[in-house]
PDB file of N, CA and C in Angstrom:
ATOM      1  N   MET A   1       2.455 -20.792  28.824  1.00  0.00           N
ATOM      2  CA  MET A   1       3.028 -20.682  27.491  1.00  0.00           C
ATOM      3  C   MET A   1       2.179 -21.412  26.459  1.00  0.00           C
ATOM      4  N   GLY A   2       1.239 -22.217  26.865  1.00  0.00           N
ATOM      5  CA  GLY A   2       0.375 -22.883  25.901  1.00  0.00           C
ATOM      6  C   GLY A   2       0.724 -24.329  25.653  1.00  0.00           C
ATOM      7  N   ARG A   3       1.755 -24.830  26.273  1.00  0.00           N
ATOM      8  CA  ARG A   3       2.081 -26.251  26.145  1.00  0.00           C
ATOM      9  C   ARG A   3       1.575 -26.988  27.370  1.00  0.00           C
ATOM     10  N   ILE A   4       1.149 -28.221  27.144  1.00  0.00           N
ATOM     11  CA  ILE A   4       0.693 -29.041  28.258  1.00  0.00           C
ATOM     12  C   ILE A   4       1.680 -30.182  28.436  1.00  0.00           C
ATOM     13  N   LEU A   5       2.254 -30.241  29.623  1.00  0.00           N
ATOM     14  CA  LEU A   5       3.234 -31.267  29.956  1.00  0.00           C
ATOM     15  C   LEU A   5       2.913 -31.824  31.331  1.00  0.00           C
ATOM     16  N   PRO A   6       3.249 -33.085  31.566  1.00  0.00           N
ATOM     17  CA  PRO A   6       3.074 -33.609  32.925  1.00  0.00           C
ATOM     18  C   PRO A   6       3.931 -32.812  33.902  1.00  0.00           C
ATOM     19  N   ILE A   7       3.410 -32.564  35.081  1.00  0.00           N
ATOM     20  CA  ILE A   7       4.116 -31.758  36.073  1.00  0.00           C
ATOM     21  C   ILE A   7       5.446 -32.412  36.457  1.00  0.00           C
ATOM     22  N   THR A   8       5.544 -33.719  36.287  1.00  0.00           N
ATOM     23  CA  THR A   8       6.775 -34.433  36.652  1.00  0.00           C
ATOM     24  C   THR A   8       7.828 -34.401  35.542  1.00  0.00           C
ATOM     25  N   ASP A   9       7.472 -33.895  34.370  1.00  0.00           N
ATOM     26  CA  ASP A   9       8.414 -33.846  33.240  1.00  0.00           C
ATOM     27  C   ASP A   9       9.234 -32.557  33.307  1.00  0.00           C
ATOM     28  N   TYR A  10      10.112 -32.498  34.295  1.00  0.00           N
ATOM     29  CA  TYR A  10      10.893 -31.270  34.495  1.00  0.00           C
ATOM     30  C   TYR A  10      11.826 -30.983  33.323  1.00  0.00           C
ATOM     31  N   LYS A  11      12.307 -32.026  32.646  1.00  0.00           N
ATOM     32  CA  LYS A  11      13.169 -31.796  31.480  1.00  0.00           C
ATOM     33  C   LYS A  11      12.355 -31.203  30.326  1.00  0.00           C
ATOM     34  N   GLY A  12      11.168 -31.723  30.122  1.00  0.00           N
ATOM     35  CA  GLY A  12      10.296 -31.198  29.071  1.00  0.00           C
ATOM     36  C   GLY A  12       9.881 -29.768  29.343  1.00  0.00           C
ATOM     37  N   ILE A  13       9.579 -29.471  30.611  1.00  0.00           N
ATOM     38  CA  ILE A  13       9.198 -28.112  30.992  1.00  0.00           C
ATOM     39  C   ILE A  13      10.371 -27.156  30.772  1.00  0.00           C
ATOM     40  N   ALA A  14      11.563 -27.587  31.174  1.00  0.00           N
ATOM     41  CA  ALA A  14      12.753 -26.752  30.992  1.00  0.00           C
ATOM     42  C   ALA A  14      13.013 -26.508  29.512  1.00  0.00           C
ATOM     43  N   LYS A  15      12.873 -27.560  28.680  1.00  0.00           N
ATOM     44  CA  LYS A  15      13.099 -27.420  27.238  1.00  0.00           C
ATOM     45  C   LYS A  15      12.067 -26.474  26.622  1.00  0.00           C
ATOM     46  N   ALA A  16      10.804 -26.617  27.011  1.00  0.00           N
ATOM     47  CA  ALA A  16       9.758 -25.746  26.471  1.00  0.00           C
ATOM     48  C   ALA A  16      10.029 -24.291  26.848  1.00  0.00           C
ATOM     49  N   CYS A  17      10.418 -24.052  28.097  1.00  0.00           N
ATOM     50  CA  CYS A  17      10.746 -22.689  28.525  1.00  0.00           C
ATOM     51  C   CYS A  17      11.931 -22.144  27.739  1.00  0.00           C
ATOM     52  N   ASN A  18      12.935 -22.966  27.575  1.00  0.00           N
ATOM     53  CA  ASN A  18      14.127 -22.559  26.830  1.00  0.00           C
ATOM     54  C   ASN A  18      13.780 -22.261  25.366  1.00  0.00           C
ATOM     55  N   ASP A  19      12.998 -23.136  24.738  1.00  0.00           N
ATOM     56  CA  ASP A  19      12.590 -22.911  23.349  1.00  0.00           C
ATOM     57  C   ASP A  19      11.805 -21.613  23.213  1.00  0.00           C
ATOM     58  N   TYR A  20      10.914 -21.365  24.156  1.00  0.00           N
ATOM     59  CA  TYR A  20      10.115 -20.138  24.120  1.00  0.00           C
ATOM     60  C   TYR A  20      10.999 -18.904  24.285  1.00  0.00           C
ATOM     61  N   LEU A  21      11.872 -18.943  25.265  1.00  0.00           N
ATOM     62  CA  LEU A  21      12.749 -17.794  25.524  1.00  0.00           C
ATOM     63  C   LEU A  21      13.699 -17.517  24.369  1.00  0.00           C
ATOM     64  N   ASN A  22      14.078 -18.547  23.636  1.00  0.00           N
ATOM     65  CA  ASN A  22      14.981 -18.387  22.493  1.00  0.00           C
ATOM     66  C   ASN A  22      14.247 -18.161  21.182  1.00  0.00           C
ATOM     67  N   GLY A  23      12.928 -18.010  21.239  1.00  0.00           N
ATOM     68  CA  GLY A  23      12.148 -17.701  20.045  1.00  0.00           C
ATOM     69  C   GLY A  23      11.950 -18.870  19.101  1.00  0.00           C
ATOM     70  N   LYS A  24      12.215 -20.094  19.563  1.00  0.00           N
ATOM     71  CA  LYS A  24      12.048 -21.265  18.698  1.00  0.00           C
ATOM     72  C   LYS A  24      10.581 -21.652  18.540  1.00  0.00           C
ATOM     73  N   ILE A  25       9.781 -21.302  19.522  1.00  0.00           N
ATOM     74  CA  ILE A  25       8.344 -21.569  19.444  1.00  0.00           C
ATOM     75  C   ILE A  25       7.592 -20.300  19.802  1.00  0.00           C
ATOM     76  N   ARG A  26       6.450 -20.159  19.187  1.00  0.00           N
ATOM     77  CA  ARG A  26       5.587 -19.014  19.465  1.00  0.00           C
ATOM     78  C   ARG A  26       4.171 -19.536  19.649  1.00  0.00           C
ATOM     79  N   PHE A  27       3.410 -18.816  20.421  1.00  0.00           N
ATOM     80  CA  PHE A  27       2.033 -19.199  20.687  1.00  0.00           C
ATOM     81  C   PHE A  27       1.117 -18.047  20.345  1.00  0.00           C
ATOM     82  N   ASP A  28      -0.063 -18.384  19.895  1.00  0.00           N
ATOM     83  CA  ASP A  28      -1.087 -17.391  19.604  1.00  0.00           C
ATOM     84  C   ASP A  28      -1.846 -17.126  20.900  1.00  0.00           C
ATOM     85  N   SER A  29      -1.419 -16.121  21.646  1.00  0.00           N
ATOM     86  CA  SER A  29      -2.002 -15.862  22.959  1.00  0.00           C
ATOM     87  C   SER A  29      -3.484 -15.515  22.871  1.00  0.00           C
ATOM     88  N   ASN A  30      -3.911 -14.877  21.782  1.00  0.00           N
ATOM     89  CA  ASN A  30      -5.335 -14.574  21.627  1.00  0.00           C
ATOM     90  C   ASN A  30      -6.155 -15.842  21.493  1.00  0.00           C
ATOM     91  N   HIS A  31      -5.658 -16.789  20.708  1.00  0.00           N
ATOM     92  CA  HIS A  31      -6.359 -18.063  20.534  1.00  0.00           C
ATOM     93  C   HIS A  31      -6.412 -18.829  21.850  1.00  0.00           C
ATOM     94  N   ILE A  32      -5.306 -18.859  22.578  1.00  0.00           N
ATOM     95  CA  ILE A  32      -5.254 -19.559  23.862  1.00  0.00           C
ATOM     96  C   ILE A  32      -6.245 -18.928  24.838  1.00  0.00           C
ATOM     97  N   ARG A  33      -6.283 -17.600  24.878  1.00  0.00           N
ATOM     98  CA  ARG A  33      -7.221 -16.907  25.765  1.00  0.00           C
ATOM     99  C   ARG A  33      -8.660 -17.210  25.378  1.00  0.00           C
ATOM    100  N   GLU A  34      -8.978 -17.135  24.083  1.00  0.00           N
ATOM    101  CA  GLU A  34     -10.341 -17.407  23.620  1.00  0.00           C
ATOM    102  C   GLU A  34     -10.777 -18.816  24.001  1.00  0.00           C
ATOM    103  N   LYS A  35      -9.887 -19.774  23.851  1.00  0.00           N
ATOM    104  CA  LYS A  35     -10.187 -21.163  24.188  1.00  0.00           C
ATOM    105  C   LYS A  35     -10.446 -21.314  25.689  1.00  0.00           C
ATOM    106  N   ALA A  36      -9.600 -20.678  26.504  1.00  0.00           N
ATOM    107  CA  ALA A  36      -9.762 -20.754  27.959  1.00  0.00           C
ATOM    108  C   ALA A  36     -11.078 -20.103  28.396  1.00  0.00           C
ATOM    109  N   VAL A  37     -11.400 -18.960  27.821  1.00  0.00           N
ATOM    110  CA  VAL A  37     -12.649 -18.276  28.170  1.00  0.00           C
ATOM    111  C   VAL A  37     -13.845 -19.118  27.737  1.00  0.00           C
ATOM    112  N   ALA A  38     -13.775 -19.728  26.548  1.00  0.00           N
ATOM    113  CA  ALA A  38     -14.878 -20.564  26.066  1.00  0.00           C
ATOM    114  C   ALA A  38     -15.111 -21.759  26.981  1.00  0.00           C
ATOM    115  N   LEU A  39     -14.040 -22.320  27.505  1.00  0.00           N
ATOM    116  CA  LEU A  39     -14.164 -23.502  28.364  1.00  0.00           C
ATOM    117  C   LEU A  39     -14.471 -23.165  29.822  1.00  0.00           C
ATOM    118  N   PHE A  40     -13.897 -22.068  30.320  1.00  0.00           N
ATOM    119  CA  PHE A  40     -13.951 -21.804  31.756  1.00  0.00           C
ATOM    120  C   PHE A  40     -14.505 -20.434  32.129  1.00  0.00           C
ATOM    121  N   GLY A  41     -14.904 -19.641  31.155  1.00  0.00           N
ATOM    122  CA  GLY A  41     -15.375 -18.288  31.428  1.00  0.00           C
ATOM    123  C   GLY A  41     -16.771 -18.247  32.029  1.00  0.00           C
ATOM    124  N   THR A  42     -17.241 -17.038  32.265  1.00  0.00           N
ATOM    125  CA  THR A  42     -18.534 -16.818  32.906  1.00  0.00           C
ATOM    126  C   THR A  42     -19.673 -17.459  32.123  1.00  0.00           C
ATOM    127  N   ASP A  43     -19.697 -17.280  30.817  1.00  0.00           N
ATOM    128  CA  ASP A  43     -20.788 -17.853  30.003  1.00  0.00           C
ATOM    129  C   ASP A  43     -20.795 -19.376  30.076  1.00  0.00           C
ATOM    130  N   ALA A  44     -19.615 -19.990  30.006  1.00  0.00           N
ATOM    131  CA  ALA A  44     -19.534 -21.450  30.087  1.00  0.00           C
ATOM    132  C   ALA A  44     -20.011 -21.928  31.450  1.00  0.00           C
ATOM    133  N   PHE A  45     -19.575 -21.262  32.517  1.00  0.00           N
ATOM    134  CA  PHE A  45     -19.986 -21.618  33.871  1.00  0.00           C
ATOM    135  C   PHE A  45     -21.494 -21.469  34.031  1.00  0.00           C
ATOM    136  N   THR A  46     -22.024 -20.328  33.571  1.00  0.00           N
ATOM    137  CA  THR A  46     -23.460 -20.069  33.677  1.00  0.00           C
ATOM    138  C   THR A  46     -24.258 -21.127  32.927  1.00  0.00           C
ATOM    139  N   GLY A  47     -23.804 -21.484  31.743  1.00  0.00           N
ATOM    140  CA  GLY A  47     -24.491 -22.515  30.953  1.00  0.00           C
ATOM    141  C   GLY A  47     -24.516 -23.856  31.657  1.00  0.00           C
ATOM    142  N   ARG A  48     -23.387 -24.241  32.251  1.00  0.00           N
ATOM    143  CA  ARG A  48     -23.334 -25.524  32.969  1.00  0.00           C
ATOM    144  C   ARG A  48     -24.246 -25.501  34.191  1.00  0.00           C
ATOM    145  N   MET A  49     -24.236 -24.399  34.926  1.00  0.00           N
ATOM    146  CA  MET A  49     -25.098 -24.296  36.109  1.00  0.00           C
ATOM    147  C   MET A  49     -26.574 -24.324  35.709  1.00  0.00           C
ATOM    148  N   LYS A  50     -26.906 -23.653  34.624  1.00  0.00           N
ATOM    149  CA  LYS A  50     -28.288 -23.645  34.131  1.00  0.00           C
ATOM    150  C   LYS A  50     -28.731 -25.062  33.801  1.00  0.00           C
ATOM    151  N   ASN A  51     -27.877 -25.817  33.128  1.00  0.00           N
ATOM    152  CA  ASN A  51     -28.210 -27.206  32.791  1.00  0.00           C
ATOM    153  C   ASN A  51     -28.409 -28.056  34.035  1.00  0.00           C
ATOM    154  N   ILE A  52     -27.576 -27.844  35.031  1.00  0.00           N
ATOM    155  CA  ILE A  52     -27.709 -28.601  36.285  1.00  0.00           C
ATOM    156  C   ILE A  52     -29.055 -28.299  36.937  1.00  0.00           C
ATOM    157  N   PHE A  53     -29.389 -27.019  37.070  1.00  0.00           N
ATOM    158  CA  PHE A  53     -30.654 -26.651  37.700  1.00  0.00           C
ATOM    159  C   PHE A  53     -31.851 -27.162  36.909  1.00  0.00           C
ATOM    160  N   GLU A  54     -31.783 -27.079  35.574  1.00  0.00           N
ATOM    161  CA  GLU A  54     -32.893 -27.579  34.752  1.00  0.00           C
ATOM    162  C   GLU A  54     -33.063 -29.079  34.950  1.00  0.00           C
ATOM    163  N   ASN A  55     -31.960 -29.818  35.029  1.00  0.00           N
ATOM    164  CA  ASN A  55     -32.048 -31.268  35.257  1.00  0.00           C
ATOM    165  C   ASN A  55     -32.645 -31.573  36.620  1.00  0.00           C
ATOM    166  N   VAL A  56     -32.252 -30.831  37.640  1.00  0.00           N
ATOM    167  CA  VAL A  56     -32.805 -31.044  38.987  1.00  0.00           C
ATOM    168  C   VAL A  56     -34.305 -30.753  38.982  1.00  0.00           C
ATOM    169  N   ILE A  57     -34.704 -29.653  38.364  1.00  0.00           N
ATOM    170  CA  ILE A  57     -36.121 -29.287  38.313  1.00  0.00           C
ATOM    171  C   ILE A  57     -36.909 -30.336  37.542  1.00  0.00           C
ATOM    172  N   ASP A  58     -36.401 -30.765  36.395  1.00  0.00           N
ATOM    173  CA  ASP A  58     -37.096 -31.775  35.588  1.00  0.00           C
ATOM    174  C   ASP A  58     -37.210 -33.102  36.346  1.00  0.00           C
ATOM    175  N   ASN A  59     -36.146 -33.499  37.029  1.00  0.00           N
ATOM    176  CA  ASN A  59     -36.194 -34.753  37.785  1.00  0.00           C
ATOM    177  C   ASN A  59     -37.140 -34.638  38.972  1.00  0.00           C
ATOM    178  N   ASN A  60     -37.234 -33.480  39.567  1.00  0.00           N
ATOM    179  CA  ASN A  60     -38.154 -33.275  40.674  1.00  0.00           C
ATOM    180  C   ASN A  60     -39.593 -33.396  40.198  1.00  0.00           C
ATOM    181  N   LYS A  61     -39.894 -32.918  38.991  1.00  0.00           N
ATOM    182  CA  LYS A  61     -41.239 -33.027  38.427  1.00  0.00           C
ATOM    183  C   LYS A  61     -41.614 -34.500  38.222  1.00  0.00           C
ATOM    184  N   ILE A  62     -40.633 -35.293  37.789  1.00  0.00           N
ATOM    185  CA  ILE A  62     -40.869 -36.717  37.531  1.00  0.00           C
ATOM    186  C   ILE A  62     -41.177 -37.444  38.841  1.00  0.00           C
ATOM    187  N   LEU A  63     -40.497 -37.059  39.926  1.00  0.00           N
ATOM    188  CA  LEU A  63     -40.658 -37.741  41.206  1.00  0.00           C
ATOM    189  C   LEU A  63     -42.000 -37.436  41.878  1.00  0.00           C
ATOM    190  N   LYS A  64     -42.629 -36.331  41.515  1.00  0.00           N
ATOM    191  CA  LYS A  64     -43.910 -35.966  42.165  1.00  0.00           C
ATOM    192  C   LYS A  64     -45.065 -36.747  41.632  1.00  0.00           C
TER     193      LYS A  64
END
């Protein structure tokens, strides 16, 4: 639903679900999706892996 709550906050989770179901809160699902893709999508993953490999290669050059 777009809210972040501690897993142990069962009252907060229940209230958030109830508020959502009763139309008291709304979320921009497109914005939430875009944010998730930017942080965890293929491009983000590829970029992080590329940086890791470049660092390993650069450090290997220094050690030789």
